[in-house]
N, C-alpha and C. Protein backbone atom coordinates (compact mmCIF):
# COMPACT_ATOMS: atom_id res chain seq x y z
N MET A 1 -25.01 -73.03 -44.48
CA MET A 1 -25.72 -71.78 -44.63
C MET A 1 -25.88 -71.14 -43.25
N LYS A 2 -25.42 -69.91 -43.13
CA LYS A 2 -25.59 -69.16 -41.89
C LYS A 2 -27.06 -68.82 -41.69
N VAL A 3 -27.48 -68.75 -40.42
CA VAL A 3 -28.86 -68.43 -40.07
C VAL A 3 -28.82 -67.44 -38.92
N LEU A 4 -29.56 -66.33 -39.06
CA LEU A 4 -29.67 -65.34 -37.99
C LEU A 4 -30.77 -65.80 -37.03
N VAL A 5 -30.36 -66.16 -35.83
CA VAL A 5 -31.28 -66.76 -34.85
C VAL A 5 -31.83 -65.65 -33.95
N ASP A 6 -33.15 -65.55 -33.89
CA ASP A 6 -33.82 -64.53 -33.09
C ASP A 6 -33.79 -64.89 -31.60
N THR A 7 -34.04 -63.90 -30.80
CA THR A 7 -33.98 -64.01 -29.34
C THR A 7 -34.83 -65.16 -28.79
N GLY A 8 -36.04 -65.32 -29.29
CA GLY A 8 -36.93 -66.34 -28.76
C GLY A 8 -36.37 -67.75 -28.88
N VAL A 9 -35.64 -68.02 -29.94
CA VAL A 9 -35.05 -69.35 -30.13
C VAL A 9 -33.90 -69.55 -29.15
N TRP A 10 -33.03 -68.54 -29.04
CA TRP A 10 -31.92 -68.63 -28.08
C TRP A 10 -32.46 -68.81 -26.66
N SER A 11 -33.52 -68.09 -26.34
CA SER A 11 -34.08 -68.17 -24.99
C SER A 11 -34.62 -69.56 -24.68
N LEU A 12 -35.24 -70.19 -25.66
CA LEU A 12 -35.71 -71.56 -25.45
C LEU A 12 -34.54 -72.47 -25.06
N ALA A 13 -33.44 -72.30 -25.75
CA ALA A 13 -32.30 -73.20 -25.54
C ALA A 13 -31.51 -72.88 -24.28
N PHE A 14 -31.35 -71.59 -23.97
CA PHE A 14 -30.43 -71.21 -22.91
C PHE A 14 -31.08 -70.68 -21.64
N ARG A 15 -32.34 -70.28 -21.71
CA ARG A 15 -32.96 -69.68 -20.53
C ARG A 15 -34.13 -70.49 -19.98
N ARG A 16 -34.72 -71.31 -20.79
CA ARG A 16 -35.89 -72.09 -20.37
C ARG A 16 -35.42 -73.33 -19.64
N LYS A 17 -35.97 -73.58 -18.46
CA LYS A 17 -35.57 -74.74 -17.68
C LYS A 17 -36.23 -76.02 -18.17
N LYS A 18 -37.51 -75.93 -18.50
CA LYS A 18 -38.23 -77.11 -18.96
C LYS A 18 -38.95 -76.77 -20.26
N LEU A 19 -38.66 -77.56 -21.29
CA LEU A 19 -39.27 -77.34 -22.59
C LEU A 19 -40.59 -78.08 -22.73
N GLN A 20 -41.51 -77.46 -23.42
CA GLN A 20 -42.74 -78.12 -23.81
C GLN A 20 -42.40 -79.06 -24.97
N PRO A 21 -43.18 -80.12 -25.18
CA PRO A 21 -42.88 -81.04 -26.28
C PRO A 21 -42.76 -80.34 -27.64
N ALA A 22 -43.57 -79.33 -27.89
CA ALA A 22 -43.52 -78.62 -29.18
C ALA A 22 -42.26 -77.78 -29.33
N GLU A 23 -41.59 -77.47 -28.23
CA GLU A 23 -40.39 -76.64 -28.28
C GLU A 23 -39.12 -77.46 -28.50
N GLN A 24 -39.16 -78.73 -28.20
CA GLN A 24 -37.98 -79.58 -28.32
C GLN A 24 -37.41 -79.65 -29.74
N PRO A 25 -38.23 -79.78 -30.79
CA PRO A 25 -37.66 -79.80 -32.15
C PRO A 25 -36.99 -78.47 -32.52
N ILE A 26 -37.49 -77.38 -31.98
CA ILE A 26 -36.90 -76.07 -32.26
C ILE A 26 -35.50 -75.99 -31.66
N VAL A 27 -35.36 -76.43 -30.42
CA VAL A 27 -34.05 -76.44 -29.77
C VAL A 27 -33.12 -77.40 -30.49
N GLN A 28 -33.62 -78.52 -30.97
CA GLN A 28 -32.79 -79.45 -31.74
C GLN A 28 -32.31 -78.81 -33.03
N GLN A 29 -33.17 -78.03 -33.68
CA GLN A 29 -32.74 -77.32 -34.88
C GLN A 29 -31.60 -76.35 -34.55
N LEU A 30 -31.75 -75.61 -33.45
CA LEU A 30 -30.69 -74.69 -33.06
C LEU A 30 -29.40 -75.44 -32.75
N GLN A 31 -29.50 -76.57 -32.05
CA GLN A 31 -28.31 -77.36 -31.74
C GLN A 31 -27.59 -77.79 -33.02
N THR A 32 -28.35 -78.19 -34.02
CA THR A 32 -27.75 -78.58 -35.30
C THR A 32 -27.04 -77.39 -35.95
N LEU A 33 -27.69 -76.24 -35.94
CA LEU A 33 -27.06 -75.04 -36.50
C LEU A 33 -25.77 -74.70 -35.76
N ILE A 34 -25.80 -74.82 -34.44
CA ILE A 34 -24.61 -74.52 -33.63
C ILE A 34 -23.48 -75.49 -33.97
N LEU A 35 -23.79 -76.78 -33.98
CA LEU A 35 -22.77 -77.79 -34.26
C LEU A 35 -22.18 -77.65 -35.65
N ASP A 36 -23.00 -77.18 -36.60
CA ASP A 36 -22.52 -76.96 -37.97
C ASP A 36 -21.83 -75.61 -38.14
N GLY A 37 -21.82 -74.80 -37.08
CA GLY A 37 -21.19 -73.48 -37.16
C GLY A 37 -22.01 -72.46 -37.94
N ASN A 38 -23.32 -72.66 -37.99
CA ASN A 38 -24.17 -71.79 -38.82
C ASN A 38 -25.10 -70.86 -38.05
N ALA A 39 -25.11 -70.93 -36.73
CA ALA A 39 -25.96 -70.04 -35.93
C ALA A 39 -25.24 -68.72 -35.71
N CYS A 40 -25.94 -67.61 -35.98
CA CYS A 40 -25.33 -66.31 -35.73
C CYS A 40 -26.37 -65.38 -35.11
N MET A 41 -25.87 -64.24 -34.63
CA MET A 41 -26.74 -63.25 -33.97
C MET A 41 -26.18 -61.87 -34.26
N ILE A 42 -26.87 -60.86 -33.74
CA ILE A 42 -26.36 -59.50 -33.73
C ILE A 42 -26.39 -59.00 -32.29
N GLY A 43 -25.72 -57.90 -32.04
CA GLY A 43 -25.55 -57.41 -30.68
C GLY A 43 -26.84 -57.19 -29.92
N VAL A 44 -27.88 -56.67 -30.58
CA VAL A 44 -29.12 -56.42 -29.85
C VAL A 44 -29.82 -57.72 -29.44
N ILE A 45 -29.63 -58.77 -30.19
CA ILE A 45 -30.17 -60.07 -29.80
C ILE A 45 -29.43 -60.55 -28.55
N ARG A 46 -28.11 -60.42 -28.57
CA ARG A 46 -27.31 -60.79 -27.40
C ARG A 46 -27.80 -60.01 -26.18
N GLN A 47 -28.03 -58.71 -26.37
CA GLN A 47 -28.49 -57.86 -25.27
C GLN A 47 -29.85 -58.33 -24.75
N GLU A 48 -30.77 -58.64 -25.66
CA GLU A 48 -32.09 -59.12 -25.24
C GLU A 48 -31.99 -60.42 -24.45
N ILE A 49 -31.15 -61.33 -24.90
CA ILE A 49 -31.01 -62.62 -24.22
C ILE A 49 -30.49 -62.42 -22.80
N LEU A 50 -29.54 -61.52 -22.65
CA LEU A 50 -28.90 -61.32 -21.34
C LEU A 50 -29.69 -60.40 -20.40
N SER A 51 -30.64 -59.68 -20.94
CA SER A 51 -31.41 -58.75 -20.12
C SER A 51 -32.41 -59.49 -19.24
N GLY A 52 -32.55 -59.02 -18.02
CA GLY A 52 -33.54 -59.55 -17.10
C GLY A 52 -33.09 -60.74 -16.28
N ILE A 53 -31.83 -61.11 -16.38
CA ILE A 53 -31.33 -62.22 -15.56
C ILE A 53 -31.00 -61.67 -14.18
N LYS A 54 -31.66 -62.22 -13.17
CA LYS A 54 -31.58 -61.66 -11.81
C LYS A 54 -30.28 -61.97 -11.10
N HIS A 55 -29.74 -63.15 -11.31
CA HIS A 55 -28.58 -63.59 -10.54
C HIS A 55 -27.29 -63.40 -11.34
N PRO A 56 -26.33 -62.68 -10.79
CA PRO A 56 -25.07 -62.43 -11.50
C PRO A 56 -24.37 -63.70 -11.98
N ALA A 57 -24.42 -64.76 -11.20
CA ALA A 57 -23.75 -66.00 -11.62
C ALA A 57 -24.41 -66.58 -12.87
N GLN A 58 -25.74 -66.54 -12.93
CA GLN A 58 -26.45 -67.03 -14.12
C GLN A 58 -26.13 -66.14 -15.32
N TYR A 59 -26.09 -64.82 -15.08
CA TYR A 59 -25.76 -63.88 -16.15
C TYR A 59 -24.37 -64.20 -16.71
N ASP A 60 -23.40 -64.35 -15.83
CA ASP A 60 -22.03 -64.61 -16.26
C ASP A 60 -21.91 -65.93 -17.02
N LYS A 61 -22.63 -66.94 -16.54
CA LYS A 61 -22.60 -68.25 -17.21
C LYS A 61 -23.17 -68.15 -18.62
N LEU A 62 -24.32 -67.50 -18.76
CA LEU A 62 -24.94 -67.36 -20.08
C LEU A 62 -24.09 -66.47 -20.98
N LYS A 63 -23.58 -65.39 -20.43
CA LYS A 63 -22.70 -64.50 -21.22
C LYS A 63 -21.51 -65.28 -21.76
N GLY A 64 -20.93 -66.13 -20.93
CA GLY A 64 -19.81 -66.96 -21.37
C GLY A 64 -20.19 -67.91 -22.49
N ARG A 65 -21.35 -68.52 -22.37
CA ARG A 65 -21.81 -69.44 -23.42
C ARG A 65 -22.02 -68.70 -24.75
N LEU A 66 -22.58 -67.51 -24.66
CA LEU A 66 -22.89 -66.75 -25.88
C LEU A 66 -21.65 -66.16 -26.54
N GLN A 67 -20.54 -66.08 -25.80
CA GLN A 67 -19.32 -65.53 -26.39
C GLN A 67 -18.77 -66.42 -27.50
N ALA A 68 -19.25 -67.64 -27.59
CA ALA A 68 -18.83 -68.54 -28.66
C ALA A 68 -19.39 -68.10 -30.02
N PHE A 69 -20.37 -67.20 -30.01
CA PHE A 69 -21.03 -66.79 -31.25
C PHE A 69 -20.65 -65.36 -31.61
N ASP A 70 -20.11 -65.21 -32.81
CA ASP A 70 -19.79 -63.87 -33.28
C ASP A 70 -21.05 -63.16 -33.72
N ASP A 71 -21.02 -61.84 -33.61
CA ASP A 71 -22.12 -61.02 -34.09
C ASP A 71 -21.90 -60.68 -35.55
N LEU A 72 -22.97 -60.72 -36.34
CA LEU A 72 -22.91 -60.15 -37.68
C LEU A 72 -22.72 -58.64 -37.52
N VAL A 73 -22.01 -58.05 -38.43
CA VAL A 73 -21.75 -56.61 -38.37
C VAL A 73 -23.03 -55.86 -38.74
N VAL A 74 -23.32 -54.83 -37.96
CA VAL A 74 -24.48 -53.96 -38.22
C VAL A 74 -23.93 -52.61 -38.70
N THR A 75 -24.40 -52.17 -39.85
CA THR A 75 -23.88 -50.96 -40.48
C THR A 75 -24.92 -49.83 -40.46
N GLN A 76 -24.47 -48.68 -40.86
CA GLN A 76 -25.37 -47.54 -41.01
C GLN A 76 -26.47 -47.88 -42.02
N GLN A 77 -26.10 -48.57 -43.09
CA GLN A 77 -27.09 -48.96 -44.11
C GLN A 77 -28.13 -49.90 -43.52
N ASP A 78 -27.72 -50.75 -42.59
CA ASP A 78 -28.69 -51.64 -41.95
C ASP A 78 -29.72 -50.85 -41.16
N HIS A 79 -29.25 -49.84 -40.43
CA HIS A 79 -30.19 -49.01 -39.66
C HIS A 79 -31.13 -48.23 -40.58
N GLU A 80 -30.60 -47.73 -41.68
CA GLU A 80 -31.45 -47.01 -42.63
C GLU A 80 -32.47 -47.94 -43.27
N LEU A 81 -32.03 -49.13 -43.66
CA LEU A 81 -32.95 -50.10 -44.24
C LEU A 81 -33.99 -50.53 -43.21
N ALA A 82 -33.58 -50.70 -41.96
CA ALA A 82 -34.53 -51.08 -40.90
C ALA A 82 -35.63 -50.04 -40.77
N ALA A 83 -35.26 -48.77 -40.84
CA ALA A 83 -36.26 -47.70 -40.77
C ALA A 83 -37.20 -47.76 -41.97
N ALA A 84 -36.65 -47.99 -43.15
CA ALA A 84 -37.49 -48.11 -44.35
C ALA A 84 -38.43 -49.32 -44.24
N MET A 85 -37.92 -50.41 -43.70
CA MET A 85 -38.76 -51.61 -43.52
C MET A 85 -39.87 -51.35 -42.51
N PHE A 86 -39.54 -50.66 -41.43
CA PHE A 86 -40.55 -50.26 -40.45
C PHE A 86 -41.64 -49.47 -41.14
N ASN A 87 -41.25 -48.48 -41.96
CA ASN A 87 -42.21 -47.62 -42.66
C ASN A 87 -43.07 -48.43 -43.63
N THR A 88 -42.44 -49.35 -44.35
CA THR A 88 -43.19 -50.19 -45.30
C THR A 88 -44.24 -51.02 -44.59
N CYS A 89 -43.84 -51.67 -43.53
CA CYS A 89 -44.80 -52.51 -42.80
C CYS A 89 -45.90 -51.67 -42.17
N ARG A 90 -45.51 -50.57 -41.57
CA ARG A 90 -46.51 -49.71 -40.93
C ARG A 90 -47.53 -49.20 -41.94
N SER A 91 -47.06 -48.84 -43.13
CA SER A 91 -47.99 -48.35 -44.16
C SER A 91 -48.93 -49.45 -44.65
N ASN A 92 -48.57 -50.70 -44.36
CA ASN A 92 -49.44 -51.83 -44.71
C ASN A 92 -50.18 -52.38 -43.49
N GLY A 93 -50.18 -51.62 -42.40
CA GLY A 93 -50.94 -52.00 -41.22
C GLY A 93 -50.27 -53.04 -40.33
N VAL A 94 -48.97 -53.25 -40.52
CA VAL A 94 -48.24 -54.24 -39.72
C VAL A 94 -47.29 -53.50 -38.79
N GLN A 95 -47.46 -53.73 -37.49
CA GLN A 95 -46.59 -53.11 -36.49
C GLN A 95 -45.48 -54.06 -36.10
N GLY A 96 -44.36 -53.48 -35.70
CA GLY A 96 -43.24 -54.29 -35.24
C GLY A 96 -42.27 -53.45 -34.46
N SER A 97 -41.32 -54.12 -33.83
CA SER A 97 -40.33 -53.41 -33.02
C SER A 97 -39.15 -52.96 -33.89
N HIS A 98 -38.47 -51.96 -33.41
CA HIS A 98 -37.29 -51.47 -34.12
C HIS A 98 -36.22 -52.56 -34.18
N ILE A 99 -36.10 -53.35 -33.14
CA ILE A 99 -35.12 -54.43 -33.14
C ILE A 99 -35.48 -55.47 -34.20
N ASP A 100 -36.75 -55.82 -34.31
CA ASP A 100 -37.16 -56.79 -35.34
C ASP A 100 -36.79 -56.30 -36.73
N PHE A 101 -37.00 -55.02 -36.99
CA PHE A 101 -36.69 -54.52 -38.33
C PHE A 101 -35.19 -54.42 -38.56
N LEU A 102 -34.42 -54.20 -37.50
CA LEU A 102 -32.97 -54.25 -37.64
C LEU A 102 -32.53 -55.67 -37.96
N ILE A 103 -33.13 -56.64 -37.32
CA ILE A 103 -32.84 -58.04 -37.64
C ILE A 103 -33.16 -58.33 -39.10
N CYS A 104 -34.29 -57.85 -39.57
CA CYS A 104 -34.68 -58.04 -40.98
C CYS A 104 -33.66 -57.41 -41.92
N ALA A 105 -33.23 -56.20 -41.60
CA ALA A 105 -32.28 -55.49 -42.47
C ALA A 105 -30.93 -56.21 -42.52
N VAL A 106 -30.42 -56.60 -41.37
CA VAL A 106 -29.13 -57.31 -41.33
C VAL A 106 -29.24 -58.63 -42.07
N ALA A 107 -30.32 -59.36 -41.85
CA ALA A 107 -30.50 -60.64 -42.54
C ALA A 107 -30.56 -60.43 -44.05
N HIS A 108 -31.23 -59.38 -44.49
CA HIS A 108 -31.31 -59.09 -45.92
C HIS A 108 -29.93 -58.79 -46.50
N HIS A 109 -29.20 -57.90 -45.84
CA HIS A 109 -27.87 -57.53 -46.34
C HIS A 109 -26.88 -58.70 -46.29
N ALA A 110 -27.00 -59.55 -45.29
CA ALA A 110 -26.10 -60.71 -45.15
C ALA A 110 -26.59 -61.91 -45.96
N ASN A 111 -27.79 -61.79 -46.53
CA ASN A 111 -28.39 -62.86 -47.33
C ASN A 111 -28.51 -64.16 -46.53
N VAL A 112 -29.06 -64.02 -45.31
CA VAL A 112 -29.26 -65.18 -44.44
C VAL A 112 -30.73 -65.23 -44.00
N PRO A 113 -31.25 -66.43 -43.78
CA PRO A 113 -32.63 -66.52 -43.26
C PRO A 113 -32.69 -66.19 -41.78
N ILE A 114 -33.89 -65.89 -41.32
CA ILE A 114 -34.16 -65.59 -39.92
C ILE A 114 -34.87 -66.78 -39.30
N PHE A 115 -34.33 -67.25 -38.17
CA PHE A 115 -34.93 -68.36 -37.43
C PHE A 115 -35.63 -67.75 -36.22
N ALA A 116 -36.96 -67.67 -36.29
CA ALA A 116 -37.76 -67.06 -35.23
C ALA A 116 -38.96 -67.95 -34.94
N VAL A 117 -39.39 -67.90 -33.67
CA VAL A 117 -40.54 -68.73 -33.28
C VAL A 117 -41.80 -67.92 -33.02
N ASP A 118 -41.66 -66.60 -32.91
CA ASP A 118 -42.87 -65.80 -32.74
C ASP A 118 -43.45 -65.50 -34.13
N GLY A 119 -44.66 -65.06 -34.17
CA GLY A 119 -45.32 -64.83 -35.44
C GLY A 119 -45.02 -63.50 -36.10
N ASP A 120 -44.22 -62.68 -35.45
CA ASP A 120 -43.97 -61.34 -35.99
C ASP A 120 -43.32 -61.37 -37.36
N PHE A 121 -42.29 -62.18 -37.54
CA PHE A 121 -41.56 -62.19 -38.80
C PHE A 121 -42.42 -62.75 -39.93
N VAL A 122 -43.34 -63.63 -39.60
CA VAL A 122 -44.28 -64.14 -40.61
C VAL A 122 -45.15 -63.00 -41.12
N GLN A 123 -45.51 -62.07 -40.24
CA GLN A 123 -46.30 -60.91 -40.66
C GLN A 123 -45.50 -59.94 -41.52
N TYR A 124 -44.20 -59.83 -41.26
CA TYR A 124 -43.37 -58.90 -42.04
C TYR A 124 -43.04 -59.46 -43.44
N ALA A 125 -42.91 -60.78 -43.53
CA ALA A 125 -42.40 -61.42 -44.74
C ALA A 125 -43.13 -61.04 -46.04
N PRO A 126 -44.45 -60.87 -46.05
CA PRO A 126 -45.09 -60.50 -47.32
C PRO A 126 -44.67 -59.12 -47.84
N TYR A 127 -44.14 -58.28 -46.99
CA TYR A 127 -43.83 -56.91 -47.36
C TYR A 127 -42.33 -56.62 -47.46
N LEU A 128 -41.50 -57.55 -46.98
CA LEU A 128 -40.07 -57.30 -46.91
C LEU A 128 -39.28 -58.39 -47.63
N PRO A 129 -38.10 -58.04 -48.12
CA PRO A 129 -37.26 -59.03 -48.82
C PRO A 129 -36.46 -59.87 -47.82
N ILE A 130 -37.17 -60.67 -47.02
CA ILE A 130 -36.52 -61.53 -46.04
C ILE A 130 -36.91 -62.97 -46.30
N THR A 131 -36.08 -63.87 -45.80
CA THR A 131 -36.34 -65.29 -45.88
C THR A 131 -36.43 -65.83 -44.46
N LEU A 132 -37.41 -66.65 -44.21
CA LEU A 132 -37.57 -67.25 -42.89
C LEU A 132 -37.05 -68.69 -42.91
N TYR A 133 -36.31 -69.02 -41.87
CA TYR A 133 -35.81 -70.39 -41.71
C TYR A 133 -36.99 -71.25 -41.29
N PRO A 134 -37.20 -72.40 -41.93
CA PRO A 134 -38.37 -73.23 -41.59
C PRO A 134 -38.25 -73.82 -40.19
N VAL A 135 -39.28 -73.60 -39.40
CA VAL A 135 -39.33 -74.09 -38.01
C VAL A 135 -40.00 -75.46 -38.03
N LYS A 136 -39.32 -76.43 -37.43
CA LYS A 136 -39.89 -77.77 -37.31
C LYS A 136 -40.80 -77.82 -36.11
N ARG A 137 -41.99 -78.26 -36.32
CA ARG A 137 -42.99 -78.39 -35.25
C ARG A 137 -43.45 -79.85 -35.21
N ILE A 138 -43.91 -80.27 -34.03
CA ILE A 138 -44.44 -81.64 -33.95
C ILE A 138 -45.94 -81.61 -34.07
């Protein structure tokens, strides 16, 4: 089963130098998804992961590692659905970023769960037709 992996999970695995004990199972989950060929992303997630890296050599190294992962296709319908999802959540008092709602829309259209470690997607889930990948915690 393919899983759309959010920026925070990728960052734990590829940008964090030292993991906290509670973060180790999350990185192990990502490693399993990668080894099984089930981890995927979209272009804006790739952009977020690569943004803010100060040293060109580190940027190039991470960019090279991420090239192993294809992006799910993002369509006009995904952008329209993302806007509708933004409006739905906002009308229910839930705020979120445009990128988060694009992730939700792509995941919905691709029928894949979202693997995220921040609480934002948990807040969206009651109002949107998305599935969250279960995060293992210790």
